[in-house]
Amino acid sequence: MTPRVSVVVPVYNVERYLPSCLESLIGQTLRDIEIIIVNDGSTDGSLSIIKEYASRDDRIVVIDKENGGYGHSMNRGFEKARGEYIGIVESDDCARPTMFQRLYEQGSRHDADVVRSNYFTMSNDGSTFGLIDVLSLSHAPYYTAFNPQDYPDILRGSPAIWTGIYKRSFLEENNVSFLETPGASYQDTGFMLKVWGAANRAVIMREAFLNYRIDNANSSVKSGAKVFCVCDEYESFEEFLSARPERSEAFRKMVVAKKYETYLWNYNRLDNALKPEFLEKMTEEFSEAEEKNALDQSLFSPVEWNELQAVISNPEALSGKALTVVPPALDPGEHEKTRYANGEITFFQLLAWKIKHALRS
């Protein structure tokens, strides 16, 4: 019998957090799930923990392999999956009990290729949480199917691939998979871009179900092998879009804006010794985008636009400086609705906000 959802859990040296992750999955209210745990050559006690849980729950499938990186692990897990939909939970995160039931209900109701939700950040000790609204940037409708090419702003949100489920047949028919580049290096970015680039029926939800553990997210990148991994992801996505001309045109300018945002994040995290080479790559790629008339000033903040012009025409002026990242602004009204959907404010607080906002208008 086909499980409704296969949940892929990539594991590498996470013995400290793995039990809480697996407990959150075996306790899901959607019982008809398959839990595929991919051990990527862990050298700590992770494999022993995996085997213990597998002996207790026959829904758990174990893949034990040599270390091959995040993309390799995800692809092996997806190849093994039998579910109608595939979900992802990182091994240091936790899924709230109704996560896959609620996602599957929306996917099944709307015959969706992808269903996405919001998420909570979680402190390293699991004691504090913060709601992250990654979907109201798109202006797409909630709880109904839409075509992402009609809402290109959908690309602007965080990849957050572990907030959703993906129809397995959709992924297979469109050859959506992960690049198998070293370690964990932006493979989620390329995967999510390809999902949005290929999906015809997407659904987004206001609720947040995934607790995403924050652990030194701003740590610097010192490995030369990872400097250009983000470029590989965008090159792969652009090749993917080129086979879909109508979608390529719909997303053309938004892809460049999203690429700049992602490249800034990468550049600012690089060790200073690695920055000049990456800045040179940025100059090359965004000069090309300018020549192709693919830069839309309205998609950048004023400071970002000015710095982008310097990247193109005067990169020496930026040497040794951090570049400015200005996150896209949330729609205040939509964000308040999302806060209400997640219990952060009451109905009367939401109503009061609407009245106050109406009076100001």
Protein backbone atom coordinates (compact mmCIF):
# COMPACT_ATOMS: atom_id res chain seq x y z
CA MET A 1 0.00 0.00 0.00
CA THR A 2 1.30 3.46 -0.93
CA PRO A 3 1.91 5.73 2.08
CA ARG A 4 0.30 9.12 1.88
CA VAL A 5 3.56 10.88 2.72
CA SER A 6 7.20 9.77 2.75
CA VAL A 7 9.29 11.93 5.08
CA VAL A 8 13.01 12.05 4.23
CA VAL A 9 15.37 12.78 7.13
CA PRO A 10 19.03 13.43 6.20
CA VAL A 11 21.39 12.62 9.09
CA TYR A 12 25.01 13.55 9.71
CA ASN A 13 26.46 13.61 13.24
CA VAL A 14 23.34 14.85 15.05
CA GLU A 15 23.12 12.43 17.98
CA ARG A 16 22.28 15.30 20.33
CA TYR A 17 19.07 16.28 18.49
CA LEU A 18 18.08 13.17 16.56
CA PRO A 19 15.83 11.54 19.21
CA SER A 20 13.58 14.61 19.51
CA CYS A 21 13.34 14.82 15.72
CA LEU A 22 12.34 11.16 15.36
CA GLU A 23 9.88 11.34 18.26
CA SER A 24 8.16 14.22 16.48
CA LEU A 25 7.75 12.08 13.36
CA ILE A 26 6.54 8.83 14.90
CA GLY A 27 4.02 10.91 16.86
CA GLN A 28 2.43 12.49 13.77
CA THR A 29 -1.38 12.43 13.71
CA LEU A 30 -1.12 11.23 10.09
CA ARG A 31 -0.25 7.61 10.78
CA ASP A 32 0.04 6.54 7.12
CA ILE A 33 3.55 7.87 6.61
CA GLU A 34 6.90 6.40 5.67
CA ILE A 35 9.97 7.77 7.49
CA ILE A 36 13.13 7.42 5.40
CA ILE A 37 16.27 8.14 7.43
CA VAL A 38 19.43 8.64 5.38
CA ASN A 39 22.61 8.30 7.43
CA ASP A 40 25.33 10.13 5.53
CA GLY A 41 28.35 8.39 7.05
CA SER A 42 27.92 9.74 10.58
CA THR A 43 30.88 9.17 12.90
CA ASP A 44 29.01 9.76 16.17
CA GLY A 45 26.20 7.71 17.69
CA SER A 46 23.55 8.72 15.13
CA LEU A 47 23.37 5.31 13.40
CA SER A 48 22.79 3.49 16.70
CA ILE A 49 19.92 5.85 17.49
CA ILE A 50 18.45 5.30 14.02
CA LYS A 51 18.60 1.52 14.40
CA GLU A 52 16.95 1.69 17.82
CA TYR A 53 13.99 3.68 16.45
CA ALA A 54 13.74 1.45 13.37
CA SER A 55 13.39 -1.60 15.64
CA ARG A 56 10.43 0.08 17.36
CA ASP A 57 8.51 1.40 14.33
CA ASP A 58 8.14 -0.51 11.08
CA ARG A 59 7.33 2.69 9.17
CA ILE A 60 11.02 3.62 9.40
CA VAL A 61 13.27 2.83 6.42
CA VAL A 62 17.02 3.16 6.93
CA ILE A 63 19.58 4.06 4.28
CA ASP A 64 23.15 3.85 5.58
CA LYS A 65 25.79 5.11 3.17
CA GLU A 66 29.20 6.69 2.91
CA ASN A 67 29.39 10.44 3.29
CA GLY A 68 28.29 12.09 0.06
CA GLY A 69 26.80 15.42 1.15
CA TYR A 70 23.31 16.82 1.55
CA GLY A 71 22.23 16.65 -2.08
CA HIS A 72 23.35 13.04 -2.44
CA SER A 73 21.48 12.07 0.74
CA MET A 74 18.28 13.77 -0.36
CA ASN A 75 18.35 12.17 -3.81
CA ARG A 76 18.87 8.69 -2.31
CA GLY A 77 15.96 9.28 0.04
CA PHE A 78 13.68 10.53 -2.73
CA GLU A 79 14.56 7.55 -4.91
CA LYS A 80 13.53 5.20 -2.09
CA ALA A 81 10.28 7.04 -1.30
CA ARG A 82 6.97 5.32 -2.08
CA GLY A 83 4.59 8.00 -0.79
CA GLU A 84 2.08 9.98 -2.79
CA TYR A 85 3.85 13.05 -1.43
CA ILE A 86 7.36 13.58 -0.08
CA GLY A 87 8.22 15.77 2.91
CA ILE A 88 11.56 16.73 4.43
CA VAL A 89 12.54 17.17 8.06
CA GLU A 90 16.10 18.05 9.01
CA SER A 91 17.48 15.83 11.77
CA ASP A 92 18.03 18.70 14.22
CA ASP A 93 14.50 20.09 13.76
CA CYS A 94 11.07 18.93 14.96
CA ALA A 95 7.68 18.64 13.27
CA ARG A 96 4.59 19.64 15.23
CA PRO A 97 2.09 16.77 15.57
CA THR A 98 -0.42 17.76 12.88
CA MET A 99 2.14 18.88 10.29
CA PHE A 100 1.81 16.14 7.69
CA GLN A 101 -1.88 15.58 8.23
CA ARG A 102 -2.64 19.24 7.54
CA LEU A 103 -0.26 19.48 4.58
CA TYR A 104 -1.62 16.27 3.06
CA GLU A 105 -5.23 17.43 3.47
CA GLN A 106 -4.47 20.51 1.38
CA GLY A 107 -2.47 18.57 -1.18
CA SER A 108 -5.18 15.97 -1.64
CA ARG A 109 -8.04 18.48 -1.69
CA HIS A 110 -6.44 20.62 -4.40
CA ASP A 111 -4.46 17.96 -6.30
CA ALA A 112 -1.42 20.14 -5.60
CA ASP A 113 2.09 19.62 -6.95
CA VAL A 114 3.43 21.39 -3.85
CA VAL A 115 1.99 22.57 -0.53
CA ARG A 116 4.00 25.03 1.56
CA SER A 117 3.52 26.43 5.07
CA ASN A 118 5.32 28.85 7.38
CA TYR A 119 7.63 27.84 10.23
CA PHE A 120 8.91 28.65 13.71
CA THR A 121 12.51 29.31 14.59
CA MET A 122 13.54 27.41 17.71
CA SER A 123 16.41 28.28 20.03
CA ASN A 124 19.23 25.76 20.25
CA ASP A 125 17.93 24.50 23.60
CA GLY A 126 14.36 24.26 22.29
CA SER A 127 12.97 26.76 24.80
CA THR A 128 11.93 29.76 22.68
CA PHE A 129 10.16 30.08 19.34
CA GLY A 130 9.54 32.77 16.74
CA LEU A 131 7.04 32.76 13.87
CA ILE A 132 8.60 33.21 10.43
CA ASP A 133 6.20 34.32 7.71
CA VAL A 134 7.88 33.34 4.43
CA LEU A 135 4.83 33.25 2.18
CA SER A 136 3.04 36.62 2.34
CA LEU A 137 5.73 38.09 0.05
CA SER A 138 4.15 36.38 -2.94
CA HIS A 139 0.66 37.96 -2.86
CA ALA A 140 -0.62 34.53 -3.90
CA PRO A 141 -3.95 33.28 -2.51
CA TYR A 142 -4.00 30.99 0.52
CA TYR A 143 -5.70 27.58 0.66
CA THR A 144 -6.47 27.38 -3.04
CA ALA A 145 -4.46 26.13 -6.00
CA PHE A 146 -2.56 28.70 -8.08
CA ASN A 147 0.08 28.64 -10.79
CA PRO A 148 3.40 30.06 -9.47
CA GLN A 149 4.24 31.67 -12.81
CA ASP A 150 1.30 34.03 -12.18
CA TYR A 151 2.94 35.11 -8.89
CA PRO A 152 6.69 35.39 -9.61
CA ASP A 153 7.27 37.05 -6.21
CA ILE A 154 6.93 33.52 -4.79
CA LEU A 155 10.66 33.16 -5.50
CA ARG A 156 11.53 35.89 -2.99
CA GLY A 157 10.81 33.86 0.13
CA SER A 158 13.26 31.61 1.93
CA PRO A 159 13.63 28.15 0.31
CA ALA A 160 12.51 26.50 3.59
CA ILE A 161 11.99 23.20 1.74
CA TRP A 162 11.17 21.45 5.02
CA THR A 163 7.92 23.41 5.41
CA GLY A 164 6.14 21.58 2.61
CA ILE A 165 5.27 18.41 0.76
CA TYR A 166 5.88 17.64 -2.91
CA LYS A 167 3.91 15.27 -5.10
CA ARG A 168 6.28 12.44 -5.95
CA SER A 169 4.93 11.98 -9.51
CA PHE A 170 5.41 15.73 -10.13
CA LEU A 171 9.06 15.59 -9.04
CA GLU A 172 9.74 12.54 -11.18
CA GLU A 173 7.97 13.83 -14.30
CA ASN A 174 9.85 17.15 -14.13
CA ASN A 175 13.24 15.71 -13.09
CA VAL A 176 13.35 17.90 -9.98
CA SER A 177 16.22 16.76 -7.77
CA PHE A 178 19.16 18.08 -5.76
CA LEU A 179 22.62 18.97 -7.03
CA GLU A 180 25.16 16.68 -5.39
CA THR A 181 27.69 19.40 -4.51
CA PRO A 182 29.95 19.23 -1.40
CA GLY A 183 28.46 19.22 2.08
CA ALA A 184 25.35 21.33 2.66
CA SER A 185 25.74 24.25 0.26
CA TYR A 186 22.57 25.90 -1.07
CA GLN A 187 21.14 22.67 -2.51
CA ASP A 188 17.80 23.62 -0.97
CA THR A 189 17.80 26.86 -2.98
CA GLY A 190 18.10 25.12 -6.34
CA PHE A 191 15.54 22.48 -5.41
CA MET A 192 12.88 24.99 -4.35
CA LEU A 193 13.44 27.24 -7.35
CA LYS A 194 12.90 24.25 -9.66
CA VAL A 195 9.72 23.31 -7.79
CA TRP A 196 8.27 26.81 -8.25
CA GLY A 197 9.53 26.84 -11.84
CA ALA A 198 7.74 23.62 -12.78
CA ALA A 199 4.61 23.48 -10.60
CA ASN A 200 1.22 24.15 -12.14
CA ARG A 201 -0.79 23.73 -8.93
CA ALA A 202 0.67 25.15 -5.72
CA VAL A 203 -1.02 25.73 -2.36
CA ILE A 204 0.24 27.86 0.52
CA MET A 205 -0.94 27.80 4.13
CA ARG A 206 -0.71 30.44 6.85
CA GLU A 207 0.01 27.94 9.63
CA ALA A 208 3.52 27.05 10.79
CA PHE A 209 4.26 23.42 11.66
CA LEU A 210 8.03 23.00 11.65
CA ASN A 211 10.35 24.03 14.49
CA TYR A 212 13.61 25.10 12.81
CA ARG A 213 16.56 25.02 15.16
CA ILE A 214 18.84 28.06 15.03
CA ASP A 215 22.50 27.18 15.51
CA ASN A 216 25.04 29.80 14.43
CA ALA A 217 23.31 30.56 11.16
CA ASN A 218 25.78 33.36 10.39
CA SER A 219 28.94 31.28 10.67
CA SER A 220 31.51 32.13 8.00
CA VAL A 221 32.40 30.00 5.00
CA LYS A 222 36.12 29.23 4.92
CA SER A 223 36.17 26.37 2.40
CA GLY A 224 37.15 27.30 -1.15
CA ALA A 225 35.24 24.25 -2.37
CA LYS A 226 31.96 25.86 -1.33
CA VAL A 227 32.51 29.38 -2.66
CA PHE A 228 30.72 28.89 -5.97
CA CYS A 229 28.16 26.24 -4.96
CA VAL A 230 25.44 28.88 -4.94
CA CYS A 231 26.37 29.79 -8.52
CA ASP A 232 26.03 26.14 -9.51
CA GLU A 233 22.49 26.13 -8.10
CA TYR A 234 21.41 29.16 -10.12
CA GLU A 235 23.10 27.92 -13.28
CA SER A 236 21.24 24.62 -12.91
CA PHE A 237 17.94 26.44 -12.35
CA GLU A 238 18.42 28.70 -15.35
CA GLU A 239 19.11 25.65 -17.54
CA PHE A 240 15.97 24.06 -16.06
CA LEU A 241 13.89 27.13 -16.94
CA SER A 242 15.33 27.39 -20.45
CA ALA A 243 13.49 24.17 -21.32
CA ARG A 244 10.23 25.92 -20.29
CA PRO A 245 10.19 29.15 -22.36
CA GLU A 246 6.87 30.51 -21.09
CA ARG A 247 7.92 30.09 -17.48
CA SER A 248 11.40 31.40 -18.22
CA GLU A 249 9.90 34.66 -19.44
CA ALA A 250 7.51 34.91 -16.47
CA PHE A 251 10.33 34.51 -13.93
CA ARG A 252 13.17 36.13 -15.90
CA LYS A 253 13.63 39.37 -13.95
CA MET A 254 12.60 37.94 -10.61
CA VAL A 255 15.25 35.21 -10.90
CA VAL A 256 17.97 37.85 -11.24
CA ALA A 257 16.67 39.77 -8.21
CA LYS A 258 16.52 36.58 -6.15
CA LYS A 259 19.97 35.59 -7.34
CA TYR A 260 21.40 38.93 -6.20
CA GLU A 261 19.79 38.52 -2.79
CA THR A 262 21.23 35.00 -2.43
CA TYR A 263 24.66 36.03 -3.70
CA LEU A 264 24.76 38.86 -1.13
CA TRP A 265 24.04 36.38 1.65
CA ASN A 266 26.83 34.13 0.37
CA TYR A 267 29.30 36.99 -0.12
CA ASN A 268 28.83 38.40 3.38
CA ARG A 269 29.45 34.98 4.95
CA LEU A 270 32.65 34.28 3.02
CA ASP A 271 36.03 34.50 4.68
CA ASN A 272 37.71 37.75 3.59
CA ALA A 273 40.32 35.84 1.60
CA LEU A 274 37.58 34.33 -0.58
CA LYS A 275 35.53 37.47 -1.22
CA PRO A 276 37.47 39.03 -4.14
CA GLU A 277 37.06 35.97 -6.36
CA PHE A 278 33.34 35.74 -5.65
CA LEU A 279 32.86 39.48 -6.23
CA GLU A 280 34.51 39.01 -9.63
CA LYS A 281 31.96 36.30 -10.40
CA MET A 282 29.12 38.61 -9.34
CA THR A 283 30.43 41.33 -11.65
CA GLU A 284 30.50 38.90 -14.55
CA GLU A 285 27.00 37.52 -14.01
CA PHE A 286 25.16 40.76 -13.27
CA SER A 287 26.91 42.59 -16.13
CA GLU A 288 25.52 39.88 -18.39
CA ALA A 289 22.07 40.32 -16.85
CA GLU A 290 22.25 44.05 -17.52
CA GLU A 291 23.16 43.41 -21.15
CA LYS A 292 20.11 41.14 -21.47
CA ASN A 293 17.84 43.81 -19.96
CA ALA A 294 17.04 41.46 -17.08
CA LEU A 295 17.56 43.97 -14.25
CA ASP A 296 14.37 45.56 -12.92
CA GLN A 297 15.12 48.44 -10.54
CA SER A 298 11.70 48.11 -8.90
CA LEU A 299 12.75 44.73 -7.49
CA PHE A 300 15.65 46.24 -5.51
CA SER A 301 15.80 48.68 -2.61
CA PRO A 302 17.60 51.98 -3.41
CA VAL A 303 20.74 50.96 -1.50
CA GLU A 304 20.78 47.52 -3.13
CA TRP A 305 20.39 49.07 -6.58
CA ASN A 306 23.26 51.50 -5.99
CA GLU A 307 25.51 48.71 -4.76
CA LEU A 308 24.51 46.50 -7.68
CA GLN A 309 25.60 49.26 -10.06
CA ALA A 310 28.94 49.33 -8.24
CA VAL A 311 29.24 45.55 -8.49
CA ILE A 312 28.82 45.88 -12.25
CA SER A 313 30.88 48.98 -13.01
CA ASN A 314 33.19 49.66 -10.04
CA PRO A 315 33.71 46.52 -7.90
CA GLU A 316 37.01 47.84 -6.55
CA ALA A 317 35.04 50.41 -4.53
CA LEU A 318 33.37 47.57 -2.62
CA SER A 319 36.57 45.78 -1.63
CA GLY A 320 36.52 44.72 2.01
CA LYS A 321 32.97 45.98 2.58
CA ALA A 322 29.88 44.03 3.58
CA LEU A 323 27.11 44.43 1.02
CA THR A 324 23.65 45.52 2.15
CA VAL A 325 20.81 43.00 2.29
CA VAL A 326 17.33 44.52 2.54
CA PRO A 327 14.71 41.79 3.03
CA PRO A 328 11.55 42.27 0.96
CA ALA A 329 8.84 43.93 3.03
CA LEU A 330 5.98 41.82 4.33
CA ASP A 331 2.42 42.90 3.67
CA PRO A 332 1.36 44.08 7.17
CA GLY A 333 -2.27 42.97 6.77
CA GLU A 334 -1.36 39.52 5.50
CA HIS A 335 1.22 39.13 8.25
CA GLU A 336 -1.34 39.94 10.95
CA LYS A 337 -3.65 37.28 9.50
CA THR A 338 -0.78 34.80 9.65
CA ARG A 339 -0.10 35.72 13.27
CA TYR A 340 -3.77 35.09 14.03
CA ALA A 341 -3.71 31.73 12.21
CA ASN A 342 -0.83 30.67 14.48
CA GLY A 343 -2.35 31.85 17.74
CA GLU A 344 -0.02 34.81 18.26
CA ILE A 345 -2.93 37.26 18.42
CA THR A 346 -6.64 36.82 19.13
CA PHE A 347 -9.48 37.51 16.71
CA PHE A 348 -10.27 40.74 18.58
CA GLN A 349 -6.64 41.87 18.32
CA LEU A 350 -6.75 41.21 14.58
CA LEU A 351 -10.02 43.14 14.32
CA ALA A 352 -8.56 46.02 16.31
CA TRP A 353 -5.56 46.13 13.99
CA LYS A 354 -7.82 46.26 10.93
CA ILE A 355 -9.89 49.10 12.41
CA LYS A 356 -6.78 51.06 13.40
CA HIS A 357 -5.28 50.54 9.94
CA ALA A 358 -8.53 51.60 8.24
CA LEU A 359 -8.69 54.79 10.30
CA ARG A 360 -5.10 55.66 9.39
CA SER A 361 -5.93 55.18 5.72
